[in-house]
Amino acid sequence: MPKTITHGLKLAGCEAEIDRFADEVGGLGAKLGPVLVQLPPSLAFDAALAIAFFTRLGETFTGATVCEPRHPSWFDPQADALLAAHRIARVAADPALVPDAALPGGWRGLAYFRLHGSPRIYRSGYEPEARALWAERVRPHAADTPVWVMFDNTASGRATEDALALVGDIGA
């Protein structure tokens, strides 16, 4: 999802931008993976705003959507239920802002993991012990749910190496 929508407009009054985005990615058809709605750290959960945004997005865009909230207020049962009701999977992220941020949430029809590197975000690789932990978190979803694992620790060049190693760790 463009930063103009998530960070600039902070999900408000962005109907035209959602329409434009849906038109732009629509040509990808079945090749389009889940769209990531990464929220700015300053954007607190506002039920009315979230309902309006995700309703409009669902009316305009038919593909899978995941949300990576980065404000602690999004990790409560009300926010989780709202995401689930709109078929939005909540990203499991590392490093986790709060303990629940390390686990998938929202809609359970998709599991999406974003591993940014820890302890140095965007730089740290995942050693065998850390990969084993993430493999244990991913494995239960892999049997009957589409799973996406994105490594965002690219500054050190470890993303591809870590992704291939995790596939082996999971046994996929």
N, C-alpha and C. Protein backbone atom coordinates (compact mmCIF):
# COMPACT_ATOMS: atom_id res chain seq x y z
N MET A 1 0.86 -1.16 0.00
CA MET A 1 0.00 0.00 0.00
C MET A 1 0.91 1.23 0.00
N PRO A 2 0.63 2.17 -0.83
CA PRO A 2 1.49 3.37 -0.88
C PRO A 2 1.53 4.12 0.44
N LYS A 3 2.70 4.66 0.74
CA LYS A 3 2.90 5.45 1.96
C LYS A 3 2.01 6.69 1.99
N THR A 4 1.64 7.15 0.84
CA THR A 4 0.73 8.31 0.78
C THR A 4 -0.54 8.00 1.55
N ILE A 5 -1.03 6.78 1.42
CA ILE A 5 -2.28 6.37 2.08
C ILE A 5 -2.03 6.09 3.56
N THR A 6 -0.98 5.34 3.87
CA THR A 6 -0.77 4.88 5.24
C THR A 6 -0.11 5.93 6.14
N HIS A 7 0.88 6.61 5.63
CA HIS A 7 1.64 7.55 6.45
C HIS A 7 1.23 9.01 6.21
N GLY A 8 0.96 9.35 4.96
CA GLY A 8 0.57 10.73 4.64
C GLY A 8 -0.85 11.04 5.09
N LEU A 9 -1.79 10.27 4.56
CA LEU A 9 -3.20 10.50 4.90
C LEU A 9 -3.64 9.75 6.15
N LYS A 10 -2.82 8.85 6.61
CA LYS A 10 -3.11 8.04 7.82
C LYS A 10 -4.50 7.41 7.75
N LEU A 11 -4.80 6.83 6.57
CA LEU A 11 -6.01 6.05 6.28
C LEU A 11 -7.27 6.90 6.14
N ALA A 12 -7.19 8.20 6.30
CA ALA A 12 -8.38 9.07 6.27
C ALA A 12 -8.50 9.80 4.94
N GLY A 13 -9.70 9.84 4.40
CA GLY A 13 -9.96 10.60 3.18
C GLY A 13 -9.13 10.16 2.00
N CYS A 14 -8.90 8.87 1.87
CA CYS A 14 -8.01 8.36 0.83
C CYS A 14 -8.74 7.51 -0.20
N GLU A 15 -10.02 7.74 -0.41
CA GLU A 15 -10.80 6.93 -1.33
C GLU A 15 -10.22 6.95 -2.75
N ALA A 16 -9.86 8.15 -3.24
CA ALA A 16 -9.30 8.25 -4.60
C ALA A 16 -7.97 7.51 -4.70
N GLU A 17 -7.16 7.59 -3.65
CA GLU A 17 -5.87 6.91 -3.66
C GLU A 17 -6.04 5.38 -3.62
N ILE A 18 -7.03 4.91 -2.87
CA ILE A 18 -7.32 3.47 -2.86
C ILE A 18 -7.76 3.02 -4.24
N ASP A 19 -8.64 3.78 -4.87
CA ASP A 19 -9.10 3.44 -6.22
C ASP A 19 -7.93 3.38 -7.19
N ARG A 20 -7.05 4.37 -7.13
CA ARG A 20 -5.90 4.42 -8.04
C ARG A 20 -4.99 3.22 -7.79
N PHE A 21 -4.73 2.91 -6.52
CA PHE A 21 -3.88 1.76 -6.18
C PHE A 21 -4.49 0.46 -6.71
N ALA A 22 -5.78 0.27 -6.50
CA ALA A 22 -6.45 -0.95 -6.97
C ALA A 22 -6.35 -1.07 -8.49
N ASP A 23 -6.48 0.04 -9.20
CA ASP A 23 -6.34 0.02 -10.65
C ASP A 23 -4.91 -0.34 -11.06
N GLU A 24 -3.94 0.22 -10.36
CA GLU A 24 -2.53 -0.01 -10.71
C GLU A 24 -2.12 -1.46 -10.50
N VAL A 25 -2.56 -2.09 -9.43
CA VAL A 25 -2.13 -3.46 -9.16
C VAL A 25 -3.07 -4.50 -9.79
N GLY A 26 -4.23 -4.06 -10.24
CA GLY A 26 -5.21 -4.99 -10.80
C GLY A 26 -4.70 -5.80 -11.98
N GLY A 27 -3.78 -5.23 -12.75
CA GLY A 27 -3.25 -5.93 -13.91
C GLY A 27 -2.40 -7.14 -13.55
N LEU A 28 -1.98 -7.24 -12.31
CA LEU A 28 -1.18 -8.40 -11.90
C LEU A 28 -2.01 -9.67 -11.78
N GLY A 29 -3.32 -9.51 -11.58
CA GLY A 29 -4.21 -10.67 -11.49
C GLY A 29 -3.76 -11.66 -10.43
N ALA A 30 -3.69 -12.93 -10.81
CA ALA A 30 -3.35 -14.00 -9.87
C ALA A 30 -1.90 -13.93 -9.38
N LYS A 31 -1.06 -13.13 -10.04
CA LYS A 31 0.34 -13.01 -9.63
C LYS A 31 0.52 -12.08 -8.43
N LEU A 32 -0.52 -11.34 -8.08
CA LEU A 32 -0.43 -10.41 -6.97
C LEU A 32 -0.52 -11.16 -5.65
N GLY A 33 0.46 -10.97 -4.80
CA GLY A 33 0.43 -11.54 -3.46
C GLY A 33 -0.32 -10.61 -2.52
N PRO A 34 -0.25 -10.89 -1.23
CA PRO A 34 -0.93 -10.03 -0.27
C PRO A 34 -0.39 -8.60 -0.30
N VAL A 35 -1.29 -7.67 -0.16
CA VAL A 35 -0.90 -6.27 -0.08
C VAL A 35 -0.67 -5.93 1.39
N LEU A 36 0.48 -5.32 1.66
CA LEU A 36 0.87 -4.95 3.01
C LEU A 36 0.44 -3.52 3.31
N VAL A 37 -0.37 -3.38 4.35
CA VAL A 37 -0.73 -2.06 4.87
C VAL A 37 0.11 -1.87 6.13
N GLN A 38 1.28 -1.24 5.96
CA GLN A 38 2.16 -0.99 7.10
C GLN A 38 1.81 0.38 7.67
N LEU A 39 1.40 0.41 8.91
CA LEU A 39 0.96 1.65 9.54
C LEU A 39 2.12 2.35 10.23
N PRO A 40 2.07 3.68 10.28
CA PRO A 40 3.14 4.40 10.98
C PRO A 40 3.06 4.16 12.49
N PRO A 41 4.20 4.21 13.16
CA PRO A 41 4.21 3.97 14.61
C PRO A 41 3.32 4.93 15.40
N SER A 42 3.05 6.10 14.87
CA SER A 42 2.24 7.09 15.58
C SER A 42 0.74 6.88 15.41
N LEU A 43 0.32 5.97 14.53
CA LEU A 43 -1.12 5.81 14.24
C LEU A 43 -1.77 4.85 15.25
N ALA A 44 -2.43 5.43 16.23
CA ALA A 44 -3.14 4.64 17.24
C ALA A 44 -4.41 4.05 16.64
N PHE A 45 -4.88 2.96 17.23
CA PHE A 45 -6.10 2.31 16.77
C PHE A 45 -7.29 3.24 17.00
N ASP A 46 -8.05 3.45 15.94
CA ASP A 46 -9.28 4.23 15.96
C ASP A 46 -10.29 3.37 15.21
N ALA A 47 -11.24 2.79 15.93
CA ALA A 47 -12.17 1.84 15.33
C ALA A 47 -12.93 2.44 14.16
N ALA A 48 -13.44 3.65 14.30
CA ALA A 48 -14.23 4.26 13.23
C ALA A 48 -13.38 4.47 11.98
N LEU A 49 -12.16 4.96 12.16
CA LEU A 49 -11.26 5.16 11.03
C LEU A 49 -10.92 3.83 10.37
N ALA A 50 -10.60 2.82 11.18
CA ALA A 50 -10.23 1.51 10.63
C ALA A 50 -11.41 0.88 9.88
N ILE A 51 -12.61 0.98 10.43
CA ILE A 51 -13.79 0.43 9.75
C ILE A 51 -13.99 1.11 8.41
N ALA A 52 -13.93 2.44 8.39
CA ALA A 52 -14.12 3.17 7.14
C ALA A 52 -13.06 2.80 6.11
N PHE A 53 -11.80 2.73 6.53
CA PHE A 53 -10.71 2.41 5.60
C PHE A 53 -10.83 0.99 5.06
N PHE A 54 -10.96 0.01 5.96
CA PHE A 54 -10.97 -1.38 5.51
C PHE A 54 -12.26 -1.73 4.76
N THR A 55 -13.35 -1.06 5.06
CA THR A 55 -14.57 -1.26 4.28
C THR A 55 -14.35 -0.78 2.85
N ARG A 56 -13.82 0.43 2.70
CA ARG A 56 -13.56 0.97 1.36
C ARG A 56 -12.55 0.10 0.62
N LEU A 57 -11.51 -0.31 1.30
CA LEU A 57 -10.51 -1.16 0.66
C LEU A 57 -11.15 -2.46 0.17
N GLY A 58 -11.99 -3.06 1.00
CA GLY A 58 -12.65 -4.31 0.62
C GLY A 58 -13.62 -4.15 -0.54
N GLU A 59 -14.23 -2.99 -0.68
CA GLU A 59 -15.14 -2.71 -1.79
C GLU A 59 -14.40 -2.48 -3.10
N THR A 60 -13.14 -2.07 -2.99
CA THR A 60 -12.36 -1.66 -4.16
C THR A 60 -11.33 -2.71 -4.58
N PHE A 61 -10.80 -3.39 -3.62
CA PHE A 61 -9.68 -4.31 -3.84
C PHE A 61 -10.08 -5.70 -3.35
N THR A 62 -9.97 -6.70 -4.22
CA THR A 62 -10.43 -8.04 -3.86
C THR A 62 -9.31 -8.97 -3.43
N GLY A 63 -8.08 -8.52 -3.50
CA GLY A 63 -6.96 -9.38 -3.14
C GLY A 63 -6.77 -9.51 -1.64
N ALA A 64 -5.83 -10.37 -1.27
CA ALA A 64 -5.50 -10.56 0.14
C ALA A 64 -4.79 -9.32 0.67
N THR A 65 -5.10 -8.98 1.92
CA THR A 65 -4.50 -7.82 2.56
C THR A 65 -4.01 -8.20 3.94
N VAL A 66 -2.83 -7.68 4.29
CA VAL A 66 -2.29 -7.86 5.63
C VAL A 66 -1.97 -6.49 6.20
N CYS A 67 -2.04 -6.37 7.51
CA CYS A 67 -1.79 -5.10 8.17
C CYS A 67 -0.66 -5.28 9.18
N GLU A 68 0.31 -4.38 9.12
CA GLU A 68 1.39 -4.37 10.10
C GLU A 68 1.26 -3.10 10.94
N PRO A 69 0.47 -3.17 12.02
CA PRO A 69 0.37 -2.01 12.89
C PRO A 69 1.64 -1.87 13.71
N ARG A 70 1.99 -0.64 14.03
CA ARG A 70 3.20 -0.42 14.81
C ARG A 70 2.94 0.50 16.01
N HIS A 71 1.70 0.56 16.42
CA HIS A 71 1.33 1.28 17.64
C HIS A 71 0.73 0.25 18.59
N PRO A 72 1.10 0.26 19.87
CA PRO A 72 0.62 -0.77 20.81
C PRO A 72 -0.90 -0.89 20.90
N SER A 73 -1.63 0.16 20.62
CA SER A 73 -3.10 0.12 20.75
C SER A 73 -3.77 -0.83 19.77
N TRP A 74 -3.07 -1.25 18.72
CA TRP A 74 -3.65 -2.17 17.74
C TRP A 74 -3.63 -3.62 18.22
N PHE A 75 -2.99 -3.91 19.35
CA PHE A 75 -2.84 -5.28 19.80
C PHE A 75 -3.79 -5.57 20.95
N ASP A 76 -5.05 -5.34 20.73
CA ASP A 76 -6.08 -5.66 21.72
C ASP A 76 -7.20 -6.41 21.02
N PRO A 77 -8.08 -7.05 21.76
CA PRO A 77 -9.13 -7.88 21.15
C PRO A 77 -10.05 -7.13 20.18
N GLN A 78 -10.35 -5.86 20.47
CA GLN A 78 -11.23 -5.10 19.58
C GLN A 78 -10.58 -4.89 18.21
N ALA A 79 -9.33 -4.50 18.19
CA ALA A 79 -8.62 -4.31 16.93
C ALA A 79 -8.49 -5.63 16.18
N ASP A 80 -8.17 -6.69 16.90
CA ASP A 80 -8.02 -8.01 16.28
C ASP A 80 -9.34 -8.46 15.65
N ALA A 81 -10.44 -8.26 16.35
CA ALA A 81 -11.76 -8.65 15.84
C ALA A 81 -12.13 -7.81 14.62
N LEU A 82 -11.80 -6.54 14.63
CA LEU A 82 -12.10 -5.68 13.48
C LEU A 82 -11.33 -6.16 12.25
N LEU A 83 -10.05 -6.46 12.42
CA LEU A 83 -9.26 -6.96 11.30
C LEU A 83 -9.85 -8.27 10.78
N ALA A 84 -10.19 -9.17 11.68
CA ALA A 84 -10.76 -10.46 11.28
C ALA A 84 -12.07 -10.26 10.51
N ALA A 85 -12.91 -9.35 10.97
CA ALA A 85 -14.20 -9.11 10.32
C ALA A 85 -14.03 -8.59 8.89
N HIS A 86 -12.91 -7.92 8.63
CA HIS A 86 -12.65 -7.38 7.29
C HIS A 86 -11.71 -8.27 6.48
N ARG A 87 -11.43 -9.48 6.98
CA ARG A 87 -10.55 -10.43 6.29
C ARG A 87 -9.15 -9.85 6.07
N ILE A 88 -8.65 -9.19 7.12
CA ILE A 88 -7.31 -8.62 7.10
C ILE A 88 -6.47 -9.40 8.11
N ALA A 89 -5.39 -10.00 7.63
CA ALA A 89 -4.48 -10.73 8.52
C ALA A 89 -3.52 -9.72 9.15
N ARG A 90 -3.28 -9.87 10.46
CA ARG A 90 -2.30 -9.01 11.11
C ARG A 90 -0.93 -9.67 11.03
N VAL A 91 0.05 -8.91 10.64
CA VAL A 91 1.42 -9.37 10.48
C VAL A 91 2.01 -9.78 11.82
N ALA A 92 2.78 -10.85 11.82
CA ALA A 92 3.65 -11.21 12.94
C ALA A 92 5.01 -10.62 12.60
N ALA A 93 5.55 -9.80 13.48
CA ALA A 93 6.77 -9.05 13.15
C ALA A 93 7.88 -9.31 14.15
N ASP A 94 9.10 -9.18 13.64
CA ASP A 94 10.29 -9.20 14.47
C ASP A 94 11.17 -8.04 14.03
N PRO A 95 11.60 -7.18 14.97
CA PRO A 95 11.32 -7.26 16.39
C PRO A 95 9.88 -6.90 16.69
N ALA A 96 9.36 -7.51 17.76
CA ALA A 96 7.97 -7.32 18.15
C ALA A 96 7.85 -6.12 19.08
N LEU A 97 6.93 -5.25 18.74
CA LEU A 97 6.66 -4.05 19.53
C LEU A 97 6.09 -4.41 20.90
N VAL A 98 5.19 -5.37 20.91
CA VAL A 98 4.59 -5.94 22.12
C VAL A 98 4.58 -7.45 21.90
N PRO A 99 4.45 -8.27 22.93
CA PRO A 99 4.52 -9.73 22.73
C PRO A 99 3.57 -10.26 21.64
N ASP A 100 2.33 -9.76 21.58
CA ASP A 100 1.39 -10.24 20.57
C ASP A 100 1.80 -9.89 19.15
N ALA A 101 2.67 -8.91 18.98
CA ALA A 101 3.11 -8.52 17.64
C ALA A 101 3.96 -9.61 16.98
N ALA A 102 4.48 -10.55 17.76
CA ALA A 102 5.29 -11.63 17.21
C ALA A 102 4.43 -12.78 16.68
N LEU A 103 3.11 -12.68 16.86
CA LEU A 103 2.20 -13.74 16.44
C LEU A 103 1.19 -13.22 15.43
N PRO A 104 0.81 -14.04 14.45
CA PRO A 104 -0.21 -13.59 13.51
C PRO A 104 -1.52 -13.30 14.24
N GLY A 105 -2.27 -12.36 13.72
CA GLY A 105 -3.56 -12.02 14.32
C GLY A 105 -4.56 -11.65 13.25
N GLY A 106 -5.68 -11.09 13.67
CA GLY A 106 -6.72 -10.72 12.71
C GLY A 106 -7.31 -11.94 12.05
N TRP A 107 -7.54 -11.85 10.75
CA TRP A 107 -8.13 -12.94 9.96
C TRP A 107 -7.16 -14.11 9.90
N ARG A 108 -7.65 -15.29 10.18
CA ARG A 108 -6.80 -16.49 10.25
C ARG A 108 -6.70 -17.25 8.93
N GLY A 109 -7.22 -16.69 7.86
CA GLY A 109 -7.14 -17.36 6.56
C GLY A 109 -5.80 -17.17 5.86
N LEU A 110 -4.90 -16.45 6.49
CA LEU A 110 -3.58 -16.15 5.93
C LEU A 110 -2.65 -15.86 7.11
N ALA A 111 -1.42 -16.32 7.02
CA ALA A 111 -0.42 -16.00 8.03
C ALA A 111 0.74 -15.30 7.33
N TYR A 112 1.14 -14.16 7.86
CA TYR A 112 2.16 -13.32 7.21
C TYR A 112 3.16 -12.89 8.27
N PHE A 113 4.42 -13.18 8.01
CA PHE A 113 5.50 -12.88 8.95
C PHE A 113 6.47 -11.91 8.27
N ARG A 114 6.85 -10.84 8.99
CA ARG A 114 7.86 -9.89 8.50
C ARG A 114 9.00 -9.88 9.49
N LEU A 115 10.12 -10.39 9.06
CA LEU A 115 11.29 -10.50 9.92
C LEU A 115 12.31 -9.45 9.49
N HIS A 116 12.41 -8.40 10.30
CA HIS A 116 13.21 -7.23 9.97
C HIS A 116 14.66 -7.33 10.44
N GLY A 117 14.97 -8.37 11.21
CA GLY A 117 16.31 -8.51 11.76
C GLY A 117 16.32 -8.05 13.21
N SER A 118 16.96 -8.84 14.05
CA SER A 118 16.99 -8.52 15.47
C SER A 118 18.30 -9.07 16.04
N PRO A 119 19.03 -8.33 16.79
CA PRO A 119 18.67 -7.09 17.47
C PRO A 119 18.83 -5.83 16.61
N ARG A 120 19.62 -5.87 15.55
CA ARG A 120 19.79 -4.68 14.69
C ARG A 120 18.80 -4.75 13.55
N ILE A 121 17.74 -3.96 13.63
CA ILE A 121 16.69 -3.97 12.62
C ILE A 121 17.29 -3.67 11.24
N TYR A 122 16.84 -4.41 10.26
CA TYR A 122 17.26 -4.36 8.85
C TYR A 122 18.66 -4.90 8.59
N ARG A 123 19.40 -5.23 9.64
CA ARG A 123 20.78 -5.68 9.45
C ARG A 123 21.07 -7.07 10.01
N SER A 124 20.56 -7.37 11.17
CA SER A 124 20.90 -8.65 11.81
C SER A 124 20.36 -9.82 11.02
N GLY A 125 21.19 -10.85 10.93
CA GLY A 125 20.74 -12.10 10.35
C GLY A 125 20.08 -12.96 11.42
N TYR A 126 19.54 -14.08 11.00
CA TYR A 126 18.87 -15.01 11.92
C TYR A 126 19.73 -16.26 12.04
N GLU A 127 20.32 -16.41 13.21
CA GLU A 127 21.16 -17.57 13.49
C GLU A 127 20.26 -18.79 13.72
N PRO A 128 20.83 -20.00 13.73
CA PRO A 128 20.01 -21.22 13.84
C PRO A 128 19.01 -21.21 14.99
N GLU A 129 19.39 -20.71 16.15
CA GLU A 129 18.46 -20.71 17.30
C GLU A 129 17.25 -19.81 17.03
N ALA A 130 17.50 -18.63 16.47
CA ALA A 130 16.41 -17.70 16.16
C ALA A 130 15.53 -18.25 15.06
N ARG A 131 16.14 -18.85 14.04
CA ARG A 131 15.34 -19.45 12.96
C ARG A 131 14.49 -20.59 13.48
N ALA A 132 15.02 -21.36 14.42
CA ALA A 132 14.23 -22.46 15.00
C ALA A 132 12.99 -21.92 15.70
N LEU A 133 13.12 -20.81 16.39
CA LEU A 133 11.96 -20.19 17.04
C LEU A 133 10.93 -19.77 16.00
N TRP A 134 11.38 -19.12 14.93
CA TRP A 134 10.44 -18.67 13.89
C TRP A 134 9.85 -19.86 13.14
N ALA A 135 10.63 -20.90 12.93
CA ALA A 135 10.08 -22.10 12.28
C ALA A 135 8.96 -22.70 13.12
N GLU A 136 9.13 -22.71 14.46
CA GLU A 136 8.08 -23.22 15.34
C GLU A 136 6.82 -22.36 15.27
N ARG A 137 6.98 -21.05 15.05
CA ARG A 137 5.82 -20.16 14.93
C ARG A 137 5.13 -20.30 13.57
N VAL A 138 5.90 -20.56 12.54
CA VAL A 138 5.35 -20.67 11.18
C VAL A 138 4.71 -22.03 10.94
N ARG A 139 5.36 -23.08 11.39
CA ARG A 139 4.96 -24.46 11.08
C ARG A 139 3.48 -24.75 11.32
N PRO A 140 2.86 -24.35 12.45
CA PRO A 140 1.46 -24.71 12.67
C PRO A 140 0.51 -24.11 11.63
N HIS A 141 0.90 -23.02 11.01
CA HIS A 141 0.04 -22.38 10.01
C HIS A 141 0.21 -23.02 8.63
N ALA A 142 1.38 -23.58 8.38
CA ALA A 142 1.74 -24.03 7.04
C ALA A 142 0.91 -25.21 6.55
N ALA A 143 0.32 -25.98 7.44
CA ALA A 143 -0.43 -27.17 7.02
C ALA A 143 -1.71 -26.83 6.27
N ASP A 144 -2.41 -25.77 6.69
CA ASP A 144 -3.72 -25.52 6.09
C ASP A 144 -4.01 -24.05 5.81
N THR A 145 -2.99 -23.21 5.85
CA THR A 145 -3.17 -21.78 5.64
C THR A 145 -2.07 -21.28 4.72
N PRO A 146 -2.38 -20.39 3.77
CA PRO A 146 -1.29 -19.77 3.02
C PRO A 146 -0.39 -18.98 3.97
N VAL A 147 0.91 -19.19 3.84
CA VAL A 147 1.89 -18.55 4.71
C VAL A 147 2.87 -17.77 3.86
N TRP A 148 3.13 -16.55 4.28
CA TRP A 148 4.15 -15.70 3.66
C TRP A 148 5.14 -15.32 4.75
N VAL A 149 6.43 -15.47 4.45
CA VAL A 149 7.48 -15.02 5.36
C VAL A 149 8.38 -14.10 4.56
N MET A 150 8.45 -12.85 4.99
CA MET A 150 9.26 -11.85 4.30
C MET A 150 10.44 -11.47 5.19
N PHE A 151 11.63 -11.62 4.69
CA PHE A 151 12.82 -11.20 5.41
C PHE A 151 13.19 -9.80 4.93
N ASP A 152 13.22 -8.87 5.85
CA ASP A 152 13.51 -7.47 5.54
C ASP A 152 14.85 -7.06 6.16
N ASN A 153 15.73 -8.01 6.32
CA ASN A 153 17.06 -7.73 6.87
C ASN A 153 18.07 -7.67 5.72
N THR A 154 17.75 -6.82 4.75
CA THR A 154 18.51 -6.79 3.51
C THR A 154 19.77 -5.94 3.57
N ALA A 155 19.88 -5.03 4.54
CA ALA A 155 21.06 -4.14 4.59
C ALA A 155 22.35 -4.93 4.75
N SER A 156 22.27 -6.09 5.39
CA SER A 156 23.46 -6.92 5.56
C SER A 156 23.55 -8.04 4.52
N GLY A 157 22.57 -8.10 3.62
CA GLY A 157 22.58 -9.13 2.59
C GLY A 157 22.18 -10.50 3.08
N ARG A 158 21.51 -10.60 4.23
CA ARG A 158 21.19 -11.89 4.82
C ARG A 158 19.80 -12.42 4.44
N ALA A 159 18.95 -11.62 3.82
CA ALA A 159 17.56 -12.01 3.60
C ALA A 159 17.43 -13.32 2.83
N THR A 160 18.10 -13.45 1.71
CA THR A 160 17.97 -14.67 0.90
C THR A 160 18.51 -15.88 1.64
N GLU A 161 19.67 -15.73 2.25
CA GLU A 161 20.28 -16.82 3.00
C GLU A 161 19.35 -17.27 4.13
N ASP A 162 18.79 -16.32 4.88
CA ASP A 162 17.90 -16.65 5.99
C ASP A 162 16.61 -17.29 5.49
N ALA A 163 16.08 -16.79 4.39
CA ALA A 163 14.82 -17.37 3.85
C ALA A 163 15.04 -18.82 3.43
N LEU A 164 16.11 -19.09 2.73
CA LEU A 164 16.38 -20.46 2.29
C LEU A 164 16.62 -21.39 3.48
N ALA A 165 17.31 -20.89 4.49
CA ALA A 165 17.56 -21.70 5.68
C ALA A 165 16.25 -21.97 6.42
N LEU A 166 15.36 -20.97 6.50
CA LEU A 166 14.09 -21.18 7.20
C LEU A 166 13.23 -22.22 6.49
N VAL A 167 13.24 -22.23 5.17
CA VAL A 167 12.49 -23.26 4.44
C VAL A 167 12.98 -24.64 4.86
N GLY A 168 14.28 -24.81 4.97
CA GLY A 168 14.82 -26.09 5.44
C GLY A 168 14.45 -26.38 6.88
N ASP A 169 14.46 -25.36 7.73
CA ASP A 169 14.11 -25.54 9.14
C ASP A 169 12.66 -25.97 9.30
N ILE A 170 11.78 -25.42 8.47
CA ILE A 170 10.36 -25.74 8.54
C ILE A 170 10.09 -27.13 7.97
N GLY A 171 10.92 -27.49 7.01
CA GLY A 171 10.71 -28.78 6.35
C GLY A 171 9.73 -28.66 5.20
N ALA A 172 9.62 -27.47 4.63
CA ALA A 172 8.70 -27.25 3.51
C ALA A 172 9.26 -27.75 2.21
